[in-house]
Amino acid sequence: MSVSVKEIWEFLENLAPSQIAESQDNIGLQIGCYSDKIKGILLSVDPSLKAINYAIKNKLNLIITHHPLFYKPVYSIIKETVQGEKIYQVIHNHLNIISWHTPLDKIENGVSEAIIKALGYKGKDFILKNENYGLGRLVYLKRSIKLKNLAKKIKKVLHSWVMIVGNEEEEINAFGVCGGSCSFLKEKLKSIGINTLITSDVKYHTAKDAQEEGFNFIIVDHGISESFILDYLKDELLKLFNSEKIQIPIIIFKENSPYKII
């Protein structure tokens, strides 16, 4: 039994509805043909050249990414540019790319919960909630942990560089988690009595304000923080395929961080 690109698009739509995407987000089929039959699936945070070349080499004709291939309108396709080379290789090798971004940030078992699960915890609720969906997750601990020890655990489990803003010795009883760039959730967390957030891309002035306010950030690599959703996607796809007795290879492609700490 075979499965089409359109059927995988429908699977993602059911898992994390496109209607909850941020208005500027460009999700869905980026390049491809809905009727194509899938021979193999590559899951990747980014539609990078490395991911595309890996898919070509391993005959995986569907790439599902978290970040979209197209953020802005494309007015020309020049093979000598990185973006042009990506587009050329995808079309030339008859690949399909589906990107599913902010909807996966907003479901209960989405990006933030995937991080929490990897750390061995369980999220209790959204930080920002809108009916059945929301952004970020809250974790309440049965036993407090020092900020520095939580950061060390995160570094070990996520295999990410880590930066701390705050008092390393402070005992933490609860914290928020939001994969990607979510430093704006600081004020919401403060309003509910939580002063610690695990996230990425915290700017200097935000960090400085947090330091003076007694708020803690544990800052991790953006791409690494979002990579754990790929395991959830693979598990859900396998459930679908097993129920339909479909045998299609699914491979998770994880890249190193572009940042190097020296």
Foldseek 3Di string as FASTA:
>chain_A
DWDFQLNVQVVVCVVQNPVPDDPLADFFWPDADRGDTFQAEEEAQDLFPVSLVVCLVVVGQEYEHAHDLDSDDDDDQDCVDRSNVSVCSNVVSRHIYGYHYVSQQWALCHLFQLLQVLLVFGFDDALADDVRTHHWTKTFAPFWDFQLVVLVSSCVRLVWDKDKQADRGDTAGMEIEGAADDLVSQVSCVVVPHQEYEYEDDDDVSSVVSNVVRHMYIYTARRSSRLSRLVVVVVSVVVVCVVVVHDHYYHYDDDDGPDDDD
